[in-house]
Amino acid sequence: MNLFRPSKNDIVQVIFDDPAEYDTNYEQPSGPVECAVIGWFEEQTKDLIRIAWLKETKEKPYCGMCIPMGCVKKIKTILKSDSPKEFFIN
């Protein structure tokens, strides 16, 4: 897989296989499941991608996850960090 390098604080979607099938089901695990997560891009190495889905207003990561690159199927930029940051809901 080619390393995809979004800019820090871009909002990205990561589609990955979760080999532990960690989800909210109470059924017996049946093998890996495909998952999607959306958050702010923090870091990527050859081994992992780190994203945050909750941040403090001072840009410090608060809550997120690290996904092993071997599990990653697709990384897509949803919003570049230089795009307008405010959203309005009517």
PDB file of N, CA and C in Angstrom:
ATOM      1  N   MET A   1       0.842  -1.180   0.000  1.00  0.00           N
ATOM      2  CA  MET A   1       0.000   0.000   0.000  1.00  0.00           C
ATOM      3  C   MET A   1       0.880   1.234   0.000  1.00  0.00           C
ATOM      4  N   ASN A   2       0.544   2.207  -0.851  1.00  0.00           N
ATOM      5  CA  ASN A   2       1.257   3.469  -0.843  1.00  0.00           C
ATOM      6  C   ASN A   2       0.831   4.282   0.373  1.00  0.00           C
ATOM      7  N   LEU A   3       1.796   4.950   0.978  1.00  0.00           N
ATOM      8  CA  LEU A   3       1.459   5.785   2.120  1.00  0.00           C
ATOM      9  C   LEU A   3       0.768   7.046   1.629  1.00  0.00           C
ATOM     10  N   PHE A   4      -0.368   7.340   2.206  1.00  0.00           N
ATOM     11  CA  PHE A   4      -1.169   8.509   1.882  1.00  0.00           C
ATOM     12  C   PHE A   4      -0.887   9.525   2.967  1.00  0.00           C
ATOM     13  N   ARG A   5      -0.470  10.718   2.612  1.00  0.00           N
ATOM     14  CA  ARG A   5      -0.066  11.699   3.613  1.00  0.00           C
ATOM     15  C   ARG A   5      -0.946  12.938   3.569  1.00  0.00           C
ATOM     16  N   PRO A   6      -2.080  12.907   4.236  1.00  0.00           N
ATOM     17  CA  PRO A   6      -2.862  14.139   4.348  1.00  0.00           C
ATOM     18  C   PRO A   6      -2.111  15.120   5.244  1.00  0.00           C
ATOM     19  N   SER A   7      -2.527  16.356   5.235  1.00  0.00           N
ATOM     20  CA  SER A   7      -1.927  17.372   6.108  1.00  0.00           C
ATOM     21  C   SER A   7      -2.502  17.238   7.509  1.00  0.00           C
ATOM     22  N   LYS A   8      -1.695  17.619   8.507  1.00  0.00           N
ATOM     23  CA  LYS A   8      -2.166  17.577   9.893  1.00  0.00           C
ATOM     24  C   LYS A   8      -3.439  18.407  10.006  1.00  0.00           C
ATOM     25  N   ASN A   9      -4.404  17.876  10.701  1.00  0.00           N
ATOM     26  CA  ASN A   9      -5.712  18.476  10.954  1.00  0.00           C
ATOM     27  C   ASN A   9      -6.686  18.387   9.785  1.00  0.00           C
ATOM     28  N   ASP A  10      -6.311  17.747   8.668  1.00  0.00           N
ATOM     29  CA  ASP A  10      -7.314  17.424   7.652  1.00  0.00           C
ATOM     30  C   ASP A  10      -8.320  16.467   8.282  1.00  0.00           C
ATOM     31  N   ILE A  11      -9.557  16.536   7.852  1.00  0.00           N
ATOM     32  CA  ILE A  11     -10.549  15.556   8.301  1.00  0.00           C
ATOM     33  C   ILE A  11     -10.530  14.418   7.285  1.00  0.00           C
ATOM     34  N   VAL A  12     -10.298  13.207   7.782  1.00  0.00           N
ATOM     35  CA  VAL A  12     -10.147  12.048   6.916  1.00  0.00           C
ATOM     36  C   VAL A  12     -11.114  10.937   7.321  1.00  0.00           C
ATOM     37  N   GLN A  13     -11.390  10.066   6.365  1.00  0.00           N
ATOM     38  CA  GLN A  13     -12.127   8.832   6.626  1.00  0.00           C
ATOM     39  C   GLN A  13     -11.142   7.689   6.409  1.00  0.00           C
ATOM     40  N   VAL A  14     -11.086   6.776   7.372  1.00  0.00           N
ATOM     41  CA  VAL A  14     -10.225   5.606   7.253  1.00  0.00           C
ATOM     42  C   VAL A  14     -11.128   4.376   7.266  1.00  0.00           C
ATOM     43  N   ILE A  15     -11.015   3.563   6.224  1.00  0.00           N
ATOM     44  CA  ILE A  15     -11.725   2.278   6.166  1.00  0.00           C
ATOM     45  C   ILE A  15     -10.690   1.199   6.447  1.00  0.00           C
ATOM     46  N   PHE A  16     -10.994   0.335   7.408  1.00  0.00           N
ATOM     47  CA  PHE A  16     -10.016  -0.654   7.839  1.00  0.00           C
ATOM     48  C   PHE A  16     -10.710  -1.929   8.288  1.00  0.00           C
ATOM     49  N   ASP A  17      -9.951  -3.009   8.291  1.00  0.00           N
ATOM     50  CA  ASP A  17     -10.431  -4.275   8.842  1.00  0.00           C
ATOM     51  C   ASP A  17     -10.065  -4.333  10.312  1.00  0.00           C
ATOM     52  N   ASP A  18     -11.047  -4.637  11.139  1.00  0.00           N
ATOM     53  CA  ASP A  18     -10.818  -4.808  12.575  1.00  0.00           C
ATOM     54  C   ASP A  18     -10.741  -6.313  12.842  1.00  0.00           C
ATOM     55  N   PRO A  19      -9.525  -6.857  13.008  1.00  0.00           N
ATOM     56  CA  PRO A  19      -9.385  -8.303  13.164  1.00  0.00           C
ATOM     57  C   PRO A  19     -10.008  -8.839  14.450  1.00  0.00           C
ATOM     58  N   ALA A  20     -10.178  -7.982  15.450  1.00  0.00           N
ATOM     59  CA  ALA A  20     -10.757  -8.429  16.718  1.00  0.00           C
ATOM     60  C   ALA A  20     -12.273  -8.309  16.728  1.00  0.00           C
ATOM     61  N   GLU A  21     -12.846  -7.754  15.660  1.00  0.00           N
ATOM     62  CA  GLU A  21     -14.288  -7.505  15.571  1.00  0.00           C
ATOM     63  C   GLU A  21     -14.788  -6.793  16.823  1.00  0.00           C
ATOM     64  N   TYR A  22     -14.078  -5.724  17.186  1.00  0.00           N
ATOM     65  CA  TYR A  22     -14.470  -4.935  18.353  1.00  0.00           C
ATOM     66  C   TYR A  22     -15.598  -3.997  17.950  1.00  0.00           C
ATOM     67  N   ASP A  23     -16.787  -4.333  18.336  1.00  0.00           N
ATOM     68  CA  ASP A  23     -17.933  -3.473  18.078  1.00  0.00           C
ATOM     69  C   ASP A  23     -18.937  -3.658  19.205  1.00  0.00           C
ATOM     70  N   THR A  24     -20.133  -3.202  19.023  1.00  0.00           N
ATOM     71  CA  THR A  24     -21.117  -3.243  20.111  1.00  0.00           C
ATOM     72  C   THR A  24     -22.002  -4.480  20.090  1.00  0.00           C
ATOM     73  N   ASN A  25     -21.706  -5.450  19.246  1.00  0.00           N
ATOM     74  CA  ASN A  25     -22.502  -6.673  19.204  1.00  0.00           C
ATOM     75  C   ASN A  25     -22.174  -7.574  20.386  1.00  0.00           C
ATOM     76  N   TYR A  26     -23.161  -8.326  20.798  1.00  0.00           N
ATOM     77  CA  TYR A  26     -22.962  -9.279  21.886  1.00  0.00           C
ATOM     78  C   TYR A  26     -22.823 -10.698  21.360  1.00  0.00           C
ATOM     79  N   GLU A  27     -22.785 -10.838  20.048  1.00  0.00           N
ATOM     80  CA  GLU A  27     -22.664 -12.155  19.443  1.00  0.00           C
ATOM     81  C   GLU A  27     -21.209 -12.599  19.448  1.00  0.00           C
ATOM     82  N   GLN A  28     -20.999 -13.898  19.246  1.00  0.00           N
ATOM     83  CA  GLN A  28     -19.641 -14.422  19.155  1.00  0.00           C
ATOM     84  C   GLN A  28     -18.933 -13.818  17.949  1.00  0.00           C
ATOM     85  N   PRO A  29     -17.646 -13.488  18.079  1.00  0.00           N
ATOM     86  CA  PRO A  29     -16.905 -12.960  16.923  1.00  0.00           C
ATOM     87  C   PRO A  29     -16.897 -13.969  15.781  1.00  0.00           C
ATOM     88  N   SER A  30     -17.069 -13.462  14.571  1.00  0.00           N
ATOM     89  CA  SER A  30     -17.058 -14.346  13.413  1.00  0.00           C
ATOM     90  C   SER A  30     -15.886 -14.032  12.484  1.00  0.00           C
ATOM     91  N   GLY A  31     -14.978 -13.197  12.918  1.00  0.00           N
ATOM     92  CA  GLY A  31     -13.819 -12.845  12.106  1.00  0.00           C
ATOM     93  C   GLY A  31     -13.728 -11.350  11.925  1.00  0.00           C
ATOM     94  N   PRO A  32     -12.801 -10.919  11.091  1.00  0.00           N
ATOM     95  CA  PRO A  32     -12.610  -9.479  10.898  1.00  0.00           C
ATOM     96  C   PRO A  32     -13.866  -8.805  10.341  1.00  0.00           C
ATOM     97  N   VAL A  33     -14.065  -7.553  10.736  1.00  0.00           N
ATOM     98  CA  VAL A  33     -15.158  -6.746  10.193  1.00  0.00           C
ATOM     99  C   VAL A  33     -14.577  -5.478   9.597  1.00  0.00           C
ATOM    100  N   GLU A  34     -15.209  -4.994   8.537  1.00  0.00           N
ATOM    101  CA  GLU A  34     -14.775  -3.732   7.942  1.00  0.00           C
ATOM    102  C   GLU A  34     -15.391  -2.589   8.732  1.00  0.00           C
ATOM    103  N   CYS A  35     -14.564  -1.619   9.092  1.00  0.00           N
ATOM    104  CA  CYS A  35     -15.009  -0.472   9.876  1.00  0.00           C
ATOM    105  C   CYS A  35     -14.627   0.814   9.158  1.00  0.00           C
ATOM    106  N   ALA A  36     -15.303   1.894   9.489  1.00  0.00           N
ATOM    107  CA  ALA A  36     -14.960   3.226   8.987  1.00  0.00           C
ATOM    108  C   ALA A  36     -14.942   4.179  10.171  1.00  0.00           C
ATOM    109  N   VAL A  37     -13.965   5.060  10.189  1.00  0.00           N
ATOM    110  CA  VAL A  37     -13.876   6.071  11.231  1.00  0.00           C
ATOM    111  C   VAL A  37     -13.518   7.389  10.564  1.00  0.00           C
ATOM    112  N   ILE A  38     -14.054   8.477  11.093  1.00  0.00           N
ATOM    113  CA  ILE A  38     -13.790   9.816  10.570  1.00  0.00           C
ATOM    114  C   ILE A  38     -13.207  10.654  11.693  1.00  0.00           C
ATOM    115  N   GLY A  39     -12.150  11.397  11.394  1.00  0.00           N
ATOM    116  CA  GLY A  39     -11.548  12.251  12.402  1.00  0.00           C
ATOM    117  C   GLY A  39     -10.459  13.128  11.813  1.00  0.00           C
ATOM    118  N   TRP A  40      -9.809  13.892  12.684  1.00  0.00           N
ATOM    119  CA  TRP A  40      -8.705  14.751  12.275  1.00  0.00           C
ATOM    120  C   TRP A  40      -7.439  13.921  12.160  1.00  0.00           C
ATOM    121  N   PHE A  41      -6.745  14.069  11.034  1.00  0.00           N
ATOM    122  CA  PHE A  41      -5.480  13.380  10.829  1.00  0.00           C
ATOM    123  C   PHE A  41      -4.437  13.955  11.782  1.00  0.00           C
ATOM    124  N   GLU A  42      -3.742  13.088  12.501  1.00  0.00           N
ATOM    125  CA  GLU A  42      -2.694  13.497  13.427  1.00  0.00           C
ATOM    126  C   GLU A  42      -1.305  13.064  12.963  1.00  0.00           C
ATOM    127  N   GLU A  43      -1.181  11.795  12.558  1.00  0.00           N
ATOM    128  CA  GLU A  43       0.143  11.251  12.253  1.00  0.00           C
ATOM    129  C   GLU A  43      -0.009   9.989  11.416  1.00  0.00           C
ATOM    130  N   GLN A  44       0.990   9.739  10.579  1.00  0.00           N
ATOM    131  CA  GLN A  44       1.054   8.468   9.865  1.00  0.00           C
ATOM    132  C   GLN A  44       2.507   8.048   9.749  1.00  0.00           C
ATOM    133  N   THR A  45       2.761   6.795  10.075  1.00  0.00           N
ATOM    134  CA  THR A  45       4.084   6.197   9.899  1.00  0.00           C
ATOM    135  C   THR A  45       3.898   4.969   9.011  1.00  0.00           C
ATOM    136  N   LYS A  46       4.972   4.244   8.772  1.00  0.00           N
ATOM    137  CA  LYS A  46       4.828   3.013   7.984  1.00  0.00           C
ATOM    138  C   LYS A  46       4.034   1.966   8.754  1.00  0.00           C
ATOM    139  N   ASP A  47       3.904   2.137  10.072  1.00  0.00           N
ATOM    140  CA  ASP A  47       3.236   1.145  10.913  1.00  0.00           C
ATOM    141  C   ASP A  47       1.795   1.491  11.289  1.00  0.00           C
ATOM    142  N   LEU A  48       1.456   2.791  11.362  1.00  0.00           N
ATOM    143  CA  LEU A  48       0.133   3.157  11.874  1.00  0.00           C
ATOM    144  C   LEU A  48      -0.322   4.500  11.340  1.00  0.00           C
ATOM    145  N   ILE A  49      -1.627   4.731  11.473  1.00  0.00           N
ATOM    146  CA  ILE A  49      -2.213   6.048  11.260  1.00  0.00           C
ATOM    147  C   ILE A  49      -2.930   6.419  12.549  1.00  0.00           C
ATOM    148  N   ARG A  50      -2.755   7.670  12.980  1.00  0.00           N
ATOM    149  CA  ARG A  50      -3.378   8.149  14.216  1.00  0.00           C
ATOM    150  C   ARG A  50      -4.349   9.270  13.848  1.00  0.00           C
ATOM    151  N   ILE A  51      -5.600   9.121  14.284  1.00  0.00           N
ATOM    152  CA  ILE A  51      -6.581  10.170  14.076  1.00  0.00           C
ATOM    153  C   ILE A  51      -7.233  10.513  15.403  1.00  0.00           C
ATOM    154  N   ALA A  52      -7.777  11.727  15.485  1.00  0.00           N
ATOM    155  CA  ALA A  52      -8.516  12.177  16.671  1.00  0.00           C
ATOM    156  C   ALA A  52      -9.941  12.468  16.241  1.00  0.00           C
ATOM    157  N   TRP A  53     -10.906  12.055  17.045  1.00  0.00           N
ATOM    158  CA  TRP A  53     -12.287  12.404  16.708  1.00  0.00           C
ATOM    159  C   TRP A  53     -12.866  13.393  17.708  1.00  0.00           C
ATOM    160  N   LEU A  54     -12.075  13.770  18.708  1.00  0.00           N
ATOM    161  CA  LEU A  54     -12.470  14.817  19.646  1.00  0.00           C
ATOM    162  C   LEU A  54     -11.214  15.603  19.968  1.00  0.00           C
ATOM    163  N   LYS A  55     -11.272  16.931  19.818  1.00  0.00           N
ATOM    164  CA  LYS A  55     -10.111  17.771  20.061  1.00  0.00           C
ATOM    165  C   LYS A  55     -10.527  18.947  20.927  1.00  0.00           C
ATOM    166  N   GLU A  56      -9.585  19.440  21.710  1.00  0.00           N
ATOM    167  CA  GLU A  56      -9.804  20.683  22.441  1.00  0.00           C
ATOM    168  C   GLU A  56      -9.658  21.837  21.461  1.00  0.00           C
ATOM    169  N   THR A  57     -10.182  22.981  21.803  1.00  0.00           N
ATOM    170  CA  THR A  57     -10.135  24.111  20.886  1.00  0.00           C
ATOM    171  C   THR A  57      -8.715  24.614  20.650  1.00  0.00           C
ATOM    172  N   LYS A  58      -7.780  24.243  21.468  1.00  0.00           N
ATOM    173  CA  LYS A  58      -6.386  24.654  21.286  1.00  0.00           C
ATOM    174  C   LYS A  58      -5.629  23.656  20.420  1.00  0.00           C
ATOM    175  N   GLU A  59      -6.366  22.791  19.677  1.00  0.00           N
ATOM    176  CA  GLU A  59      -5.791  21.846  18.727  1.00  0.00           C
ATOM    177  C   GLU A  59      -5.052  20.675  19.358  1.00  0.00           C
ATOM    178  N   LYS A  60      -5.207  20.456  20.637  1.00  0.00           N
ATOM    179  CA  LYS A  60      -4.560  19.314  21.284  1.00  0.00           C
ATOM    180  C   LYS A  60      -5.459  18.089  21.125  1.00  0.00           C
ATOM    181  N   PRO A  61      -4.933  16.973  20.588  1.00  0.00           N
ATOM    182  CA  PRO A  61      -5.763  15.769  20.470  1.00  0.00           C
ATOM    183  C   PRO A  61      -6.289  15.323  21.832  1.00  0.00           C
ATOM    184  N   TYR A  62      -7.532  14.935  21.873  1.00  0.00           N
ATOM    185  CA  TYR A  62      -8.145  14.537  23.134  1.00  0.00           C
ATOM    186  C   TYR A  62      -8.526  13.056  23.121  1.00  0.00           C
ATOM    187  N   CYS A  63      -9.163  12.620  22.081  1.00  0.00           N
ATOM    188  CA  CYS A  63      -9.614  11.235  22.017  1.00  0.00           C
ATOM    189  C   CYS A  63      -9.507  10.776  20.570  1.00  0.00           C
ATOM    190  N   GLY A  64      -9.011   9.586  20.348  1.00  0.00           N
ATOM    191  CA  GLY A  64      -8.864   9.107  18.990  1.00  0.00           C
ATOM    192  C   GLY A  64      -8.418   7.663  18.964  1.00  0.00           C
ATOM    193  N   MET A  65      -7.762   7.294  17.885  1.00  0.00           N
ATOM    194  CA  MET A  65      -7.318   5.911  17.772  1.00  0.00           C
ATOM    195  C   MET A  65      -6.125   5.802  16.845  1.00  0.00           C
ATOM    196  N   CYS A  66      -5.377   4.727  17.048  1.00  0.00           N
ATOM    197  CA  CYS A  66      -4.277   4.355  16.159  1.00  0.00           C
ATOM    198  C   CYS A  66      -4.706   3.083  15.432  1.00  0.00           C
ATOM    199  N   ILE A  67      -4.531   3.078  14.131  1.00  0.00           N
ATOM    200  CA  ILE A  67      -4.920   1.929  13.327  1.00  0.00           C
ATOM    201  C   ILE A  67      -3.663   1.383  12.663  1.00  0.00           C
ATOM    202  N   PRO A  68      -3.363   0.102  12.840  1.00  0.00           N
ATOM    203  CA  PRO A  68      -2.197  -0.471  12.152  1.00  0.00           C
ATOM    204  C   PRO A  68      -2.358  -0.361  10.640  1.00  0.00           C
ATOM    205  N   MET A  69      -1.302   0.050   9.942  1.00  0.00           N
ATOM    206  CA  MET A  69      -1.369   0.226   8.495  1.00  0.00           C
ATOM    207  C   MET A  69      -1.718  -1.079   7.783  1.00  0.00           C
ATOM    208  N   GLY A  70      -1.368  -2.221   8.362  1.00  0.00           N
ATOM    209  CA  GLY A  70      -1.709  -3.503   7.757  1.00  0.00           C
ATOM    210  C   GLY A  70      -3.206  -3.763   7.701  1.00  0.00           C
ATOM    211  N   CYS A  71      -3.981  -3.046   8.511  1.00  0.00           N
ATOM    212  CA  CYS A  71      -5.437  -3.201   8.530  1.00  0.00           C
ATOM    213  C   CYS A  71      -6.141  -2.172   7.646  1.00  0.00           C
ATOM    214  N   VAL A  72      -5.429  -1.109   7.255  1.00  0.00           N
ATOM    215  CA  VAL A  72      -6.035  -0.011   6.500  1.00  0.00           C
ATOM    216  C   VAL A  72      -6.305  -0.436   5.059  1.00  0.00           C
ATOM    217  N   LYS A  73      -7.537  -0.174   4.606  1.00  0.00           N
ATOM    218  CA  LYS A  73      -7.922  -0.466   3.231  1.00  0.00           C
ATOM    219  C   LYS A  73      -7.970   0.801   2.385  1.00  0.00           C
ATOM    220  N   LYS A  74      -8.402   1.912   2.993  1.00  0.00           N
ATOM    221  CA  LYS A  74      -8.555   3.152   2.236  1.00  0.00           C
ATOM    222  C   LYS A  74      -8.500   4.342   3.186  1.00  0.00           C
ATOM    223  N   ILE A  75      -7.858   5.421   2.727  1.00  0.00           N
ATOM    224  CA  ILE A  75      -7.832   6.684   3.458  1.00  0.00           C
ATOM    225  C   ILE A  75      -8.297   7.761   2.488  1.00  0.00           C
ATOM    226  N   LYS A  76      -9.293   8.534   2.895  1.00  0.00           N
ATOM    227  CA  LYS A  76      -9.849   9.561   2.020  1.00  0.00           C
ATOM    228  C   LYS A  76      -9.922  10.880   2.774  1.00  0.00           C
ATOM    229  N   THR A  77      -9.423  11.956   2.169  1.00  0.00           N
ATOM    230  CA  THR A  77      -9.559  13.284   2.765  1.00  0.00           C
ATOM    231  C   THR A  77     -10.968  13.789   2.519  1.00  0.00           C
ATOM    232  N   ILE A  78     -11.642  14.183   3.583  1.00  0.00           N
ATOM    233  CA  ILE A  78     -12.996  14.719   3.492  1.00  0.00           C
ATOM    234  C   ILE A  78     -12.962  16.246   3.453  1.00  0.00           C
ATOM    235  N   LEU A  79     -12.098  16.852   4.288  1.00  0.00           N
ATOM    236  CA  LEU A  79     -11.999  18.306   4.360  1.00  0.00           C
ATOM    237  C   LEU A  79     -10.560  18.688   4.643  1.00  0.00           C
ATOM    238  N   LYS A  80      -9.976  19.522   3.796  1.00  0.00           N
ATOM    239  CA  LYS A  80      -8.604  19.977   4.001  1.00  0.00           C
ATOM    240  C   LYS A  80      -8.560  20.944   5.179  1.00  0.00           C
ATOM    241  N   SER A  81      -7.446  20.965   5.895  1.00  0.00           N
ATOM    242  CA  SER A  81      -7.316  21.813   7.084  1.00  0.00           C
ATOM    243  C   SER A  81      -7.351  23.297   6.757  1.00  0.00           C
ATOM    244  N   ASP A  82      -7.099  23.658   5.500  1.00  0.00           N
ATOM    245  CA  ASP A  82      -7.156  25.072   5.130  1.00  0.00           C
ATOM    246  C   ASP A  82      -8.547  25.497   4.666  1.00  0.00           C
ATOM    247  N   SER A  83      -9.531  24.585   4.741  1.00  0.00           N
ATOM    248  CA  SER A  83     -10.921  24.907   4.400  1.00  0.00           C
ATOM    249  C   SER A  83     -11.567  25.636   5.567  1.00  0.00           C
ATOM    250  N   PRO A  84     -12.691  26.331   5.318  1.00  0.00           N
ATOM    251  CA  PRO A  84     -13.381  26.995   6.435  1.00  0.00           C
ATOM    252  C   PRO A  84     -13.720  26.002   7.537  1.00  0.00           C
ATOM    253  N   LYS A  85     -13.517  26.374   8.785  1.00  0.00           N
ATOM    254  CA  LYS A  85     -13.684  25.466   9.919  1.00  0.00           C
ATOM    255  C   LYS A  85     -15.081  25.523  10.537  1.00  0.00           C
ATOM    256  N   GLU A  86     -15.882  26.538  10.201  1.00  0.00           N
ATOM    257  CA  GLU A  86     -17.175  26.685  10.854  1.00  0.00           C
ATOM    258  C   GLU A  86     -18.279  26.083  10.005  1.00  0.00           C
ATOM    259  N   PHE A  87     -19.163  25.361  10.658  1.00  0.00           N
ATOM    260  CA  PHE A  87     -20.324  24.788  10.005  1.00  0.00           C
ATOM    261  C   PHE A  87     -21.561  25.329  10.713  1.00  0.00           C
ATOM    262  N   PHE A  88     -22.577  25.616   9.962  1.00  0.00           N
ATOM    263  CA  PHE A  88     -23.799  26.135  10.545  1.00  0.00           C
ATOM    264  C   PHE A  88     -24.919  25.149  10.264  1.00  0.00           C
ATOM    265  N   ILE A  89     -25.718  24.869  11.268  1.00  0.00           N
ATOM    266  CA  ILE A  89     -26.863  23.965  11.141  1.00  0.00           C
ATOM    267  C   ILE A  89     -28.119  24.793  11.273  1.00  0.00           C
ATOM    268  N   ASN A  90     -28.994  24.710  10.292  1.00  0.00           N
ATOM    269  CA  ASN A  90     -30.241  25.464  10.326  1.00  0.00           C
ATOM    270  C   ASN A  90     -31.318  24.670  11.004  1.00  0.00           C
TER     271      ASN A  90
END
